[in-house]
Amino acid sequence: MKIPWRKNVLCLVIAGYVTLLLIFGAMVWKGGMTAEAAYEVVKGPLMALIGGSLAISKDLIPLGIGPESQQVHSDRDDP
């Protein structure tokens, strides 16, 4: 079974990471902030983006792919 690529979702997630990286870089380079202070600003959105990325990836992969799920399904089919 082939897993379909969700290119639009992948592009949006990558755009989110790139945006946070650019904001962090702009605050450190142009804003004159220290890296620690800039990280404190982007820490919340970064953690939310990581959590959202994990949730999206979990939901995009259909059930029934991989040897673990095949074992679970075959156990359920036994009377």
PDB file of N, CA and C in Angstrom:
ATOM      1  N   MET A   1       0.840  -1.178   0.000  1.00  0.00           N
ATOM      2  CA  MET A   1       0.000   0.000   0.000  1.00  0.00           C
ATOM      3  C   MET A   1       0.886   1.243   0.000  1.00  0.00           C
ATOM      4  N   LYS A   2       0.542   2.186  -0.833  1.00  0.00           N
ATOM      5  CA  LYS A   2       1.334   3.402  -0.960  1.00  0.00           C
ATOM      6  C   LYS A   2       0.703   4.522  -0.140  1.00  0.00           C
ATOM      7  N   ILE A   3       1.520   5.240   0.618  1.00  0.00           N
ATOM      8  CA  ILE A   3       1.046   6.368   1.420  1.00  0.00           C
ATOM      9  C   ILE A   3       1.041   7.615   0.535  1.00  0.00           C
ATOM     10  N   PRO A   4      -0.119   8.273   0.401  1.00  0.00           N
ATOM     11  CA  PRO A   4      -0.163   9.474  -0.442  1.00  0.00           C
ATOM     12  C   PRO A   4       0.530  10.656   0.230  1.00  0.00           C
ATOM     13  N   TRP A   5       1.221  11.446  -0.584  1.00  0.00           N
ATOM     14  CA  TRP A   5       1.863  12.665  -0.077  1.00  0.00           C
ATOM     15  C   TRP A   5       0.842  13.775  -0.024  1.00  0.00           C
ATOM     16  N   ARG A   6       0.774  14.467   1.076  1.00  0.00           N
ATOM     17  CA  ARG A   6      -0.107  15.631   1.210  1.00  0.00           C
ATOM     18  C   ARG A   6       0.783  16.860   1.067  1.00  0.00           C
ATOM     19  N   LYS A   7       1.051  17.221  -0.179  1.00  0.00           N
ATOM     20  CA  LYS A   7       2.010  18.300  -0.456  1.00  0.00           C
ATOM     21  C   LYS A   7       1.560  19.643   0.108  1.00  0.00           C
ATOM     22  N   ASN A   8       0.269  19.915   0.084  1.00  0.00           N
ATOM     23  CA  ASN A   8      -0.202  21.203   0.594  1.00  0.00           C
ATOM     24  C   ASN A   8       0.007  21.296   2.108  1.00  0.00           C
ATOM     25  N   VAL A   9      -0.233  20.218   2.832  1.00  0.00           N
ATOM     26  CA  VAL A   9      -0.030  20.228   4.277  1.00  0.00           C
ATOM     27  C   VAL A   9       1.460  20.322   4.591  1.00  0.00           C
ATOM     28  N   LEU A  10       2.270  19.595   3.852  1.00  0.00           N
ATOM     29  CA  LEU A  10       3.717  19.643   4.044  1.00  0.00           C
ATOM     30  C   LEU A  10       4.251  21.048   3.789  1.00  0.00           C
ATOM     31  N   CYS A  11       3.773  21.702   2.754  1.00  0.00           N
ATOM     32  CA  CYS A  11       4.217  23.073   2.455  1.00  0.00           C
ATOM     33  C   CYS A  11       3.814  24.040   3.565  1.00  0.00           C
ATOM     34  N   LEU A  12       2.613  23.888   4.104  1.00  0.00           N
ATOM     35  CA  LEU A  12       2.175  24.783   5.176  1.00  0.00           C
ATOM     36  C   LEU A  12       2.988  24.578   6.454  1.00  0.00           C
ATOM     37  N   VAL A  13       3.298  23.338   6.791  1.00  0.00           N
ATOM     38  CA  VAL A  13       4.099  23.067   7.996  1.00  0.00           C
ATOM     39  C   VAL A  13       5.514  23.612   7.821  1.00  0.00           C
ATOM     40  N   ILE A  14       6.105  23.384   6.656  1.00  0.00           N
ATOM     41  CA  ILE A  14       7.450  23.912   6.385  1.00  0.00           C
ATOM     42  C   ILE A  14       7.427  25.435   6.427  1.00  0.00           C
ATOM     43  N   ALA A  15       6.375  26.044   5.877  1.00  0.00           N
ATOM     44  CA  ALA A  15       6.268  27.511   5.906  1.00  0.00           C
ATOM     45  C   ALA A  15       6.195  28.024   7.343  1.00  0.00           C
ATOM     46  N   GLY A  16       5.531  27.301   8.222  1.00  0.00           N
ATOM     47  CA  GLY A  16       5.471  27.703   9.624  1.00  0.00           C
ATOM     48  C   GLY A  16       6.834  27.680  10.287  1.00  0.00           C
ATOM     49  N   TYR A  17       7.606  26.609  10.051  1.00  0.00           N
ATOM     50  CA  TYR A  17       8.951  26.527  10.628  1.00  0.00           C
ATOM     51  C   TYR A  17       9.870  27.601  10.058  1.00  0.00           C
ATOM     52  N   VAL A  18       9.780  27.835   8.756  1.00  0.00           N
ATOM     53  CA  VAL A  18      10.624  28.865   8.126  1.00  0.00           C
ATOM     54  C   VAL A  18      10.265  30.248   8.671  1.00  0.00           C
ATOM     55  N   THR A  19       8.978  30.499   8.850  1.00  0.00           N
ATOM     56  CA  THR A  19       8.548  31.787   9.390  1.00  0.00           C
ATOM     57  C   THR A  19       9.096  32.015  10.790  1.00  0.00           C
ATOM     58  N   LEU A  20       9.006  31.010  11.649  1.00  0.00           N
ATOM     59  CA  LEU A  20       9.553  31.156  13.006  1.00  0.00           C
ATOM     60  C   LEU A  20      11.064  31.345  12.983  1.00  0.00           C
ATOM     61  N   LEU A  21      11.731  30.650  12.088  1.00  0.00           N
ATOM     62  CA  LEU A  21      13.181  30.812  11.972  1.00  0.00           C
ATOM     63  C   LEU A  21      13.533  32.226  11.512  1.00  0.00           C
ATOM     64  N   LEU A  22      12.774  32.759  10.558  1.00  0.00           N
ATOM     65  CA  LEU A  22      13.023  34.126  10.089  1.00  0.00           C
ATOM     66  C   LEU A  22      12.739  35.158  11.180  1.00  0.00           C
ATOM     67  N   ILE A  23      11.673  34.955  11.942  1.00  0.00           N
ATOM     68  CA  ILE A  23      11.359  35.875  13.040  1.00  0.00           C
ATOM     69  C   ILE A  23      12.471  35.843  14.077  1.00  0.00           C
ATOM     70  N   PHE A  24      12.916  34.637  14.428  1.00  0.00           N
ATOM     71  CA  PHE A  24      14.004  34.503  15.397  1.00  0.00           C
ATOM     72  C   PHE A  24      15.268  35.195  14.886  1.00  0.00           C
ATOM     73  N   GLY A  25      15.606  34.935  13.622  1.00  0.00           N
ATOM     74  CA  GLY A  25      16.797  35.557  13.042  1.00  0.00           C
ATOM     75  C   GLY A  25      16.703  37.068  12.984  1.00  0.00           C
ATOM     76  N   ALA A  26      15.526  37.581  12.650  1.00  0.00           N
ATOM     77  CA  ALA A  26      15.350  39.033  12.580  1.00  0.00           C
ATOM     78  C   ALA A  26      15.471  39.673  13.960  1.00  0.00           C
ATOM     79  N   MET A  27      14.958  39.004  14.978  1.00  0.00           N
ATOM     80  CA  MET A  27      15.053  39.569  16.326  1.00  0.00           C
ATOM     81  C   MET A  27      16.495  39.570  16.826  1.00  0.00           C
ATOM     82  N   VAL A  28      17.237  38.541  16.493  1.00  0.00           N
ATOM     83  CA  VAL A  28      18.628  38.472  16.969  1.00  0.00           C
ATOM     84  C   VAL A  28      19.513  39.400  16.157  1.00  0.00           C
ATOM     85  N   TRP A  29      19.338  39.403  14.837  1.00  0.00           N
ATOM     86  CA  TRP A  29      20.241  40.154  13.977  1.00  0.00           C
ATOM     87  C   TRP A  29      19.876  41.637  13.937  1.00  0.00           C
ATOM     88  N   LYS A  30      18.663  41.952  13.538  1.00  0.00           N
ATOM     89  CA  LYS A  30      18.260  43.356  13.387  1.00  0.00           C
ATOM     90  C   LYS A  30      17.745  43.958  14.694  1.00  0.00           C
ATOM     91  N   GLY A  31      17.112  43.129  15.500  1.00  0.00           N
ATOM     92  CA  GLY A  31      16.506  43.643  16.718  1.00  0.00           C
ATOM     93  C   GLY A  31      17.480  43.852  17.852  1.00  0.00           C
ATOM     94  N   GLY A  32      18.654  43.274  17.753  1.00  0.00           N
ATOM     95  CA  GLY A  32      19.659  43.438  18.791  1.00  0.00           C
ATOM     96  C   GLY A  32      19.367  42.647  20.058  1.00  0.00           C
ATOM     97  N   MET A  33      18.489  41.644  19.981  1.00  0.00           N
ATOM     98  CA  MET A  33      18.182  40.826  21.156  1.00  0.00           C
ATOM     99  C   MET A  33      19.216  39.713  21.294  1.00  0.00           C
ATOM    100  N   THR A  34      19.329  39.212  22.500  1.00  0.00           N
ATOM    101  CA  THR A  34      20.172  38.027  22.683  1.00  0.00           C
ATOM    102  C   THR A  34      19.387  36.814  22.205  1.00  0.00           C
ATOM    103  N   ALA A  35      20.097  35.735  21.944  1.00  0.00           N
ATOM    104  CA  ALA A  35      19.440  34.514  21.481  1.00  0.00           C
ATOM    105  C   ALA A  35      18.482  33.975  22.539  1.00  0.00           C
ATOM    106  N   GLU A  36      18.842  34.111  23.801  1.00  0.00           N
ATOM    107  CA  GLU A  36      17.976  33.622  24.874  1.00  0.00           C
ATOM    108  C   GLU A  36      16.663  34.398  24.921  1.00  0.00           C
ATOM    109  N   ALA A  37      16.744  35.717  24.779  1.00  0.00           N
ATOM    110  CA  ALA A  37      15.539  36.547  24.807  1.00  0.00           C
ATOM    111  C   ALA A  37      14.665  36.284  23.581  1.00  0.00           C
ATOM    112  N   ALA A  38      15.281  36.115  22.422  1.00  0.00           N
ATOM    113  CA  ALA A  38      14.518  35.836  21.209  1.00  0.00           C
ATOM    114  C   ALA A  38      13.856  34.461  21.287  1.00  0.00           C
ATOM    115  N   TYR A  39      14.542  33.492  21.888  1.00  0.00           N
ATOM    116  CA  TYR A  39      13.954  32.166  22.038  1.00  0.00           C
ATOM    117  C   TYR A  39      12.744  32.212  22.968  1.00  0.00           C
ATOM    118  N   GLU A  40      12.810  33.029  24.009  1.00  0.00           N
ATOM    119  CA  GLU A  40      11.667  33.157  24.909  1.00  0.00           C
ATOM    120  C   GLU A  40      10.442  33.695  24.164  1.00  0.00           C
ATOM    121  N   VAL A  41      10.654  34.533  23.157  1.00  0.00           N
ATOM    122  CA  VAL A  41       9.548  35.088  22.380  1.00  0.00           C
ATOM    123  C   VAL A  41       8.932  34.021  21.476  1.00  0.00           C
ATOM    124  N   VAL A  42       9.754  33.202  20.813  1.00  0.00           N
ATOM    125  CA  VAL A  42       9.245  32.219  19.853  1.00  0.00           C
ATOM    126  C   VAL A  42       9.029  30.842  20.458  1.00  0.00           C
ATOM    127  N   LYS A  43       9.312  30.667  21.744  1.00  0.00           N
ATOM    128  CA  LYS A  43       9.199  29.341  22.355  1.00  0.00           C
ATOM    129  C   LYS A  43       7.766  28.812  22.321  1.00  0.00           C
ATOM    130  N   GLY A  44       6.794  29.616  22.669  1.00  0.00           N
ATOM    131  CA  GLY A  44       5.398  29.182  22.677  1.00  0.00           C
ATOM    132  C   GLY A  44       4.898  28.773  21.295  1.00  0.00           C
ATOM    133  N   PRO A  45       5.040  29.650  20.297  1.00  0.00           N
ATOM    134  CA  PRO A  45       4.607  29.254  18.952  1.00  0.00           C
ATOM    135  C   PRO A  45       5.387  28.063  18.396  1.00  0.00           C
ATOM    136  N   LEU A  46       6.666  27.949  18.744  1.00  0.00           N
ATOM    137  CA  LEU A  46       7.454  26.819  18.261  1.00  0.00           C
ATOM    138  C   LEU A  46       6.940  25.509  18.843  1.00  0.00           C
ATOM    139  N   MET A  47       6.659  25.487  20.138  1.00  0.00           N
ATOM    140  CA  MET A  47       6.138  24.269  20.759  1.00  0.00           C
ATOM    141  C   MET A  47       4.760  23.917  20.198  1.00  0.00           C
ATOM    142  N   ALA A  48       3.926  24.921  19.940  1.00  0.00           N
ATOM    143  CA  ALA A  48       2.618  24.669  19.344  1.00  0.00           C
ATOM    144  C   ALA A  48       2.763  24.118  17.928  1.00  0.00           C
ATOM    145  N   LEU A  49       3.725  24.629  17.182  1.00  0.00           N
ATOM    146  CA  LEU A  49       3.953  24.148  15.822  1.00  0.00           C
ATOM    147  C   LEU A  49       4.460  22.717  15.830  1.00  0.00           C
ATOM    148  N   ILE A  50       5.335  22.381  16.763  1.00  0.00           N
ATOM    149  CA  ILE A  50       5.824  21.003  16.868  1.00  0.00           C
ATOM    150  C   ILE A  50       4.673  20.063  17.222  1.00  0.00           C
ATOM    151  N   GLY A  51       3.880  20.441  18.206  1.00  0.00           N
ATOM    152  CA  GLY A  51       2.742  19.604  18.588  1.00  0.00           C
ATOM    153  C   GLY A  51       1.730  19.454  17.468  1.00  0.00           C
ATOM    154  N   GLY A  52       1.448  20.531  16.781  1.00  0.00           N
ATOM    155  CA  GLY A  52       0.523  20.469  15.652  1.00  0.00           C
ATOM    156  C   GLY A  52       1.059  19.624  14.514  1.00  0.00           C
ATOM    157  N   SER A  53       2.352  19.708  14.271  1.00  0.00           N
ATOM    158  CA  SER A  53       2.963  18.895  13.218  1.00  0.00           C
ATOM    159  C   SER A  53       2.842  17.417  13.541  1.00  0.00           C
ATOM    160  N   LEU A  54       3.068  17.064  14.798  1.00  0.00           N
ATOM    161  CA  LEU A  54       2.929  15.659  15.200  1.00  0.00           C
ATOM    162  C   LEU A  54       1.483  15.194  15.080  1.00  0.00           C
ATOM    163  N   ALA A  55       0.542  16.029  15.472  1.00  0.00           N
ATOM    164  CA  ALA A  55      -0.867  15.657  15.369  1.00  0.00           C
ATOM    165  C   ALA A  55      -1.294  15.499  13.915  1.00  0.00           C
ATOM    166  N   ILE A  56      -0.837  16.398  13.060  1.00  0.00           N
ATOM    167  CA  ILE A  56      -1.190  16.315  11.643  1.00  0.00           C
ATOM    168  C   ILE A  56      -0.587  15.069  11.021  1.00  0.00           C
ATOM    169  N   SER A  57       0.669  14.772  11.332  1.00  0.00           N
ATOM    170  CA  SER A  57       1.304  13.598  10.733  1.00  0.00           C
ATOM    171  C   SER A  57       0.627  12.322  11.193  1.00  0.00           C
ATOM    172  N   LYS A  58       0.173  12.280  12.444  1.00  0.00           N
ATOM    173  CA  LYS A  58      -0.524  11.103  12.949  1.00  0.00           C
ATOM    174  C   LYS A  58      -1.851  10.917  12.216  1.00  0.00           C
ATOM    175  N   ASP A  59      -2.550  12.008  11.937  1.00  0.00           N
ATOM    176  CA  ASP A  59      -3.851  11.924  11.282  1.00  0.00           C
ATOM    177  C   ASP A  59      -3.746  11.679   9.780  1.00  0.00           C
ATOM    178  N   LEU A  60      -2.636  12.031   9.163  1.00  0.00           N
ATOM    179  CA  LEU A  60      -2.513  11.879   7.717  1.00  0.00           C
ATOM    180  C   LEU A  60      -2.187  10.455   7.291  1.00  0.00           C
ATOM    181  N   ILE A  61      -1.556   9.696   8.166  1.00  0.00           N
ATOM    182  CA  ILE A  61      -1.198   8.323   7.816  1.00  0.00           C
ATOM    183  C   ILE A  61      -2.382   7.429   8.170  1.00  0.00           C
ATOM    184  N   PRO A  62      -2.979   6.767   7.164  1.00  0.00           N
ATOM    185  CA  PRO A  62      -4.159   5.953   7.445  1.00  0.00           C
ATOM    186  C   PRO A  62      -3.818   4.714   8.267  1.00  0.00           C
ATOM    187  N   LEU A  63      -4.789   4.225   9.012  1.00  0.00           N
ATOM    188  CA  LEU A  63      -4.593   3.002   9.779  1.00  0.00           C
ATOM    189  C   LEU A  63      -4.464   1.816   8.829  1.00  0.00           C
ATOM    190  N   GLY A  64      -3.782   0.804   9.277  1.00  0.00           N
ATOM    191  CA  GLY A  64      -3.627  -0.387   8.465  1.00  0.00           C
ATOM    192  C   GLY A  64      -2.332  -0.429   7.699  1.00  0.00           C
ATOM    193  N   ILE A  65      -1.408   0.493   7.970  1.00  0.00           N
ATOM    194  CA  ILE A  65      -0.128   0.499   7.281  1.00  0.00           C
ATOM    195  C   ILE A  65       0.931   0.057   8.267  1.00  0.00           C
ATOM    196  N   GLY A  66       1.732  -0.887   7.879  1.00  0.00           N
ATOM    197  CA  GLY A  66       2.818  -1.343   8.731  1.00  0.00           C
ATOM    198  C   GLY A  66       2.516  -2.681   9.384  1.00  0.00           C
ATOM    199  N   PRO A  67       3.555  -3.382   9.785  1.00  0.00           N
ATOM    200  CA  PRO A  67       3.370  -4.723  10.345  1.00  0.00           C
ATOM    201  C   PRO A  67       2.652  -4.715  11.691  1.00  0.00           C
ATOM    202  N   GLU A  68       2.823  -3.654  12.497  1.00  0.00           N
ATOM    203  CA  GLU A  68       2.182  -3.624  13.803  1.00  0.00           C
ATOM    204  C   GLU A  68       0.672  -3.577  13.661  1.00  0.00           C
ATOM    205  N   SER A  69       0.168  -2.741  12.757  1.00  0.00           N
ATOM    206  CA  SER A  69      -1.264  -2.597  12.605  1.00  0.00           C
ATOM    207  C   SER A  69      -1.876  -3.837  11.964  1.00  0.00           C
ATOM    208  N   GLN A  70      -1.121  -4.531  11.105  1.00  0.00           N
ATOM    209  CA  GLN A  70      -1.632  -5.755  10.504  1.00  0.00           C
ATOM    210  C   GLN A  70      -1.820  -6.819  11.570  1.00  0.00           C
ATOM    211  N   GLN A  71      -0.919  -6.866  12.523  1.00  0.00           N
ATOM    212  CA  GLN A  71      -1.044  -7.821  13.612  1.00  0.00           C
ATOM    213  C   GLN A  71      -2.275  -7.516  14.453  1.00  0.00           C
ATOM    214  N   VAL A  72      -2.521  -6.248  14.732  1.00  0.00           N
ATOM    215  CA  VAL A  72      -3.673  -5.851  15.538  1.00  0.00           C
ATOM    216  C   VAL A  72      -4.958  -6.209  14.812  1.00  0.00           C
ATOM    217  N   HIS A  73      -5.030  -5.932  13.503  1.00  0.00           N
ATOM    218  CA  HIS A  73      -6.237  -6.223  12.746  1.00  0.00           C
ATOM    219  C   HIS A  73      -6.476  -7.717  12.645  1.00  0.00           C
ATOM    220  N   SER A  74      -5.430  -8.503  12.468  1.00  0.00           N
ATOM    221  CA  SER A  74      -5.618  -9.948  12.358  1.00  0.00           C
ATOM    222  C   SER A  74      -6.069 -10.534  13.685  1.00  0.00           C
ATOM    223  N   ASP A  75      -5.644  -9.948  14.812  1.00  0.00           N
ATOM    224  CA  ASP A  75      -6.101 -10.431  16.111  1.00  0.00           C
ATOM    225  C   ASP A  75      -7.587 -10.140  16.308  1.00  0.00           C
ATOM    226  N   ARG A  76      -8.054  -9.028  15.780  1.00  0.00           N
ATOM    227  CA  ARG A  76      -9.454  -8.679  15.932  1.00  0.00           C
ATOM    228  C   ARG A  76     -10.345  -9.565  15.083  1.00  0.00           C
ATOM    229  N   ASP A  77      -9.827 -10.071  13.970  1.00  0.00           N
ATOM    230  CA  ASP A  77     -10.639 -10.879  13.065  1.00  0.00           C
ATOM    231  C   ASP A  77     -10.866 -12.287  13.578  1.00  0.00           C
ATOM    232  N   ASP A  78     -10.039 -12.758  14.514  1.00  0.00           N
ATOM    233  CA  ASP A  78     -10.194 -14.116  15.042  1.00  0.00           C
ATOM    234  C   ASP A  78     -11.441 -14.196  15.913  1.00  0.00           C
ATOM    235  N   PRO A  79     -12.249 -15.262  15.754  1.00  0.00           N
ATOM    236  CA  PRO A  79     -13.474 -15.380  16.581  1.00  0.00           C
ATOM    237  C   PRO A  79     -13.186 -15.747  18.006  1.00  0.00           C
TER     238      PRO A  79
END
